[in-house]
Amino acid sequence: MGDNDRLVYSTGPDGKVTCPNCGKTPCECAEGLAGEVRKRTQTEPVRVMFRRTGKGSGLTLVEKLPMHPAGKEELLKKFKKRLGVGGTVKNGVVELQGDRRDFVRTELEAAGYKVKVIQ
């Protein structure tokens, strides 16, 4: 197997995502699976955009985030707590209520991600 052919995550018989390194859900590796995947596979920037929805205040969307699904949930939990807003992860896209592009960009860049804000 080549360097990029390594298993990133798999699901167990119960349908939960397990880490290939530690075998646990969520990952309990020393560095964390999210950090390892980011360092190895980020070839294009994370996309942060704002989408207006009906009567509401709109959504900030974070797409193409090379992170373990459990890592996305943890990141969302951190963002929601710091901003005091709601949000969810749908189909691998992190969604936050309101226009939070500047905050998300700053946080992701501080974590070492390449970020592209789409207007």
C-alpha atoms as a PDB file:
ATOM      1  CA  MET A   1       0.000   0.000   0.000  1.00  0.00           C
ATOM      2  CA  GLY A   2       1.181   3.523  -0.791  1.00  0.00           C
ATOM      3  CA  ASP A   3       1.437   6.344   1.699  1.00  0.00           C
ATOM      4  CA  ASN A   4      -2.007   7.723   0.758  1.00  0.00           C
ATOM      5  CA  ASP A   5      -3.733   4.295   0.748  1.00  0.00           C
ATOM      6  CA  ARG A   6      -3.973   4.139   4.549  1.00  0.00           C
ATOM      7  CA  LEU A   7      -7.369   3.466   6.154  1.00  0.00           C
ATOM      8  CA  VAL A   8      -8.768   6.699   7.620  1.00  0.00           C
ATOM      9  CA  TYR A   9     -11.722   5.278   9.563  1.00  0.00           C
ATOM     10  CA  SER A  10     -14.131   2.389   9.409  1.00  0.00           C
ATOM     11  CA  THR A  11     -17.420   1.388  10.920  1.00  0.00           C
ATOM     12  CA  GLY A  12     -17.773  -1.475  13.330  1.00  0.00           C
ATOM     13  CA  PRO A  13     -20.519  -4.095  13.370  1.00  0.00           C
ATOM     14  CA  ASP A  14     -22.674  -1.746  15.433  1.00  0.00           C
ATOM     15  CA  GLY A  15     -22.410   0.977  12.742  1.00  0.00           C
ATOM     16  CA  LYS A  16     -20.268   3.347  14.821  1.00  0.00           C
ATOM     17  CA  VAL A  17     -17.148   4.953  13.378  1.00  0.00           C
ATOM     18  CA  THR A  18     -13.944   3.611  14.925  1.00  0.00           C
ATOM     19  CA  CYS A  19     -10.400   4.953  14.726  1.00  0.00           C
ATOM     20  CA  PRO A  20      -7.964   2.567  12.975  1.00  0.00           C
ATOM     21  CA  ASN A  21      -5.129   3.564  15.348  1.00  0.00           C
ATOM     22  CA  CYS A  22      -6.733   3.170  18.772  1.00  0.00           C
ATOM     23  CA  GLY A  23      -9.887   1.260  17.759  1.00  0.00           C
ATOM     24  CA  LYS A  24     -12.125   3.464  19.898  1.00  0.00           C
ATOM     25  CA  THR A  25     -15.150   5.677  19.261  1.00  0.00           C
ATOM     26  CA  PRO A  26     -14.497   8.613  19.469  1.00  0.00           C
ATOM     27  CA  CYS A  27     -10.768   8.570  18.773  1.00  0.00           C
ATOM     28  CA  GLU A  28      -8.543   8.642  21.856  1.00  0.00           C
ATOM     29  CA  CYS A  29      -5.140   8.763  20.126  1.00  0.00           C
ATOM     30  CA  ALA A  30      -2.487  11.014  21.672  1.00  0.00           C
ATOM     31  CA  GLU A  31      -2.639  13.564  18.858  1.00  0.00           C
ATOM     32  CA  GLY A  32      -6.146  12.683  17.750  1.00  0.00           C
ATOM     33  CA  LEU A  33      -7.166  11.314  14.383  1.00  0.00           C
ATOM     34  CA  ALA A  34      -8.375  14.709  13.192  1.00  0.00           C
ATOM     35  CA  GLY A  35      -4.904  16.265  13.442  1.00  0.00           C
ATOM     36  CA  GLU A  36      -3.221  13.354  11.683  1.00  0.00           C
ATOM     37  CA  VAL A  37      -5.692  13.346   8.799  1.00  0.00           C
ATOM     38  CA  ARG A  38      -5.371  17.126   8.352  1.00  0.00           C
ATOM     39  CA  LYS A  39      -1.567  17.001   8.151  1.00  0.00           C
ATOM     40  CA  ARG A  40      -1.601  14.198   5.618  1.00  0.00           C
ATOM     41  CA  THR A  41      -4.493  15.018   3.297  1.00  0.00           C
ATOM     42  CA  GLN A  42      -5.347  18.728   3.130  1.00  0.00           C
ATOM     43  CA  THR A  43      -4.704  19.563  -0.506  1.00  0.00           C
ATOM     44  CA  GLU A  44      -7.454  22.149  -0.939  1.00  0.00           C
ATOM     45  CA  PRO A  45      -8.621  24.822   1.495  1.00  0.00           C
ATOM     46  CA  VAL A  46     -11.563  24.462   3.843  1.00  0.00           C
ATOM     47  CA  ARG A  47     -14.497  26.454   2.434  1.00  0.00           C
ATOM     48  CA  VAL A  48     -16.361  28.788   4.786  1.00  0.00           C
ATOM     49  CA  MET A  49     -19.483  30.450   3.396  1.00  0.00           C
ATOM     50  CA  PHE A  50     -22.696  32.157   4.451  1.00  0.00           C
ATOM     51  CA  ARG A  51     -26.105  31.148   3.095  1.00  0.00           C
ATOM     52  CA  ARG A  52     -29.244  33.178   3.731  1.00  0.00           C
ATOM     53  CA  THR A  53     -32.245  31.066   4.664  1.00  0.00           C
ATOM     54  CA  GLY A  54     -35.901  32.108   4.491  1.00  0.00           C
ATOM     55  CA  LYS A  55     -36.850  34.370   7.396  1.00  0.00           C
ATOM     56  CA  GLY A  56     -33.967  33.340   9.685  1.00  0.00           C
ATOM     57  CA  SER A  57     -30.546  34.864  10.198  1.00  0.00           C
ATOM     58  CA  GLY A  58     -28.884  32.436   7.802  1.00  0.00           C
ATOM     59  CA  LEU A  59     -26.207  29.762   8.206  1.00  0.00           C
ATOM     60  CA  THR A  60     -22.436  29.689   8.201  1.00  0.00           C
ATOM     61  CA  LEU A  61     -21.302  26.533   6.387  1.00  0.00           C
ATOM     62  CA  VAL A  62     -17.897  24.858   6.743  1.00  0.00           C
ATOM     63  CA  GLU A  63     -17.221  22.444   3.855  1.00  0.00           C
ATOM     64  CA  LYS A  64     -14.308  20.217   2.820  1.00  0.00           C
ATOM     65  CA  LEU A  65     -13.016  19.932   6.376  1.00  0.00           C
ATOM     66  CA  PRO A  66     -10.594  16.952   6.353  1.00  0.00           C
ATOM     67  CA  MET A  67     -11.530  15.687   9.784  1.00  0.00           C
ATOM     68  CA  HIS A  68     -12.850  12.511  11.401  1.00  0.00           C
ATOM     69  CA  PRO A  69     -16.653  12.719  11.856  1.00  0.00           C
ATOM     70  CA  ALA A  70     -16.256  12.625  15.647  1.00  0.00           C
ATOM     71  CA  GLY A  71     -13.781  15.500  15.353  1.00  0.00           C
ATOM     72  CA  LYS A  72     -16.347  17.578  13.471  1.00  0.00           C
ATOM     73  CA  GLU A  73     -18.856  17.021  16.256  1.00  0.00           C
ATOM     74  CA  GLU A  74     -16.290  18.123  18.865  1.00  0.00           C
ATOM     75  CA  LEU A  75     -15.367  21.209  16.809  1.00  0.00           C
ATOM     76  CA  LEU A  76     -19.050  22.100  16.429  1.00  0.00           C
ATOM     77  CA  LYS A  77     -19.596  21.699  20.165  1.00  0.00           C
ATOM     78  CA  LYS A  78     -16.679  24.088  20.848  1.00  0.00           C
ATOM     79  CA  PHE A  79     -17.971  26.674  18.347  1.00  0.00           C
ATOM     80  CA  LYS A  80     -21.537  26.516  19.699  1.00  0.00           C
ATOM     81  CA  LYS A  81     -20.365  27.013  23.264  1.00  0.00           C
ATOM     82  CA  ARG A  82     -18.083  29.954  22.436  1.00  0.00           C
ATOM     83  CA  LEU A  83     -20.582  31.705  20.171  1.00  0.00           C
ATOM     84  CA  GLY A  84     -23.804  30.881  22.018  1.00  0.00           C
ATOM     85  CA  VAL A  85     -25.548  29.725  18.848  1.00  0.00           C
ATOM     86  CA  GLY A  86     -27.063  26.533  17.516  1.00  0.00           C
ATOM     87  CA  GLY A  87     -25.660  24.313  14.829  1.00  0.00           C
ATOM     88  CA  THR A  88     -25.368  20.816  13.422  1.00  0.00           C
ATOM     89  CA  VAL A  89     -23.309  18.559  11.168  1.00  0.00           C
ATOM     90  CA  LYS A  90     -25.221  17.438   8.053  1.00  0.00           C
ATOM     91  CA  ASN A  91     -23.608  15.221   5.417  1.00  0.00           C
ATOM     92  CA  GLY A  92     -20.137  16.187   6.611  1.00  0.00           C
ATOM     93  CA  VAL A  93     -20.854  19.948   6.487  1.00  0.00           C
ATOM     94  CA  VAL A  94     -20.657  21.912   9.744  1.00  0.00           C
ATOM     95  CA  GLU A  95     -23.544  24.411  10.012  1.00  0.00           C
ATOM     96  CA  LEU A  96     -23.709  27.302  12.509  1.00  0.00           C
ATOM     97  CA  GLN A  97     -26.578  29.740  12.943  1.00  0.00           C
ATOM     98  CA  GLY A  98     -25.852  33.310  11.857  1.00  0.00           C
ATOM     99  CA  ASP A  99     -22.975  34.931   9.972  1.00  0.00           C
ATOM    100  CA  ARG A 100     -19.896  33.617  11.812  1.00  0.00           C
ATOM    101  CA  ARG A 101     -17.421  33.510   8.888  1.00  0.00           C
ATOM    102  CA  ASP A 102     -14.767  35.708  10.532  1.00  0.00           C
ATOM    103  CA  PHE A 103     -14.777  33.730  13.781  1.00  0.00           C
ATOM    104  CA  VAL A 104     -14.648  30.348  12.015  1.00  0.00           C
ATOM    105  CA  ARG A 105     -11.854  31.490   9.681  1.00  0.00           C
ATOM    106  CA  THR A 106      -9.769  32.762  12.600  1.00  0.00           C
ATOM    107  CA  GLU A 107     -10.248  29.567  14.630  1.00  0.00           C
ATOM    108  CA  LEU A 108      -9.483  27.204  11.741  1.00  0.00           C
ATOM    109  CA  GLU A 109      -6.390  29.155  10.669  1.00  0.00           C
ATOM    110  CA  ALA A 110      -5.140  29.088  14.268  1.00  0.00           C
ATOM    111  CA  ALA A 111      -5.580  25.296  14.178  1.00  0.00           C
ATOM    112  CA  GLY A 112      -3.385  25.104  11.049  1.00  0.00           C
ATOM    113  CA  TYR A 113      -5.971  24.762   8.279  1.00  0.00           C
ATOM    114  CA  LYS A 114      -5.895  26.574   4.941  1.00  0.00           C
ATOM    115  CA  VAL A 115      -9.200  28.475   4.742  1.00  0.00           C
ATOM    116  CA  LYS A 116     -11.031  30.126   1.851  1.00  0.00           C
ATOM    117  CA  VAL A 117     -13.955  32.409   2.729  1.00  0.00           C
ATOM    118  CA  ILE A 118     -16.561  32.517  -0.028  1.00  0.00           C
ATOM    119  CA  GLN A 119     -18.642  35.695  -0.110  1.00  0.00           C
END
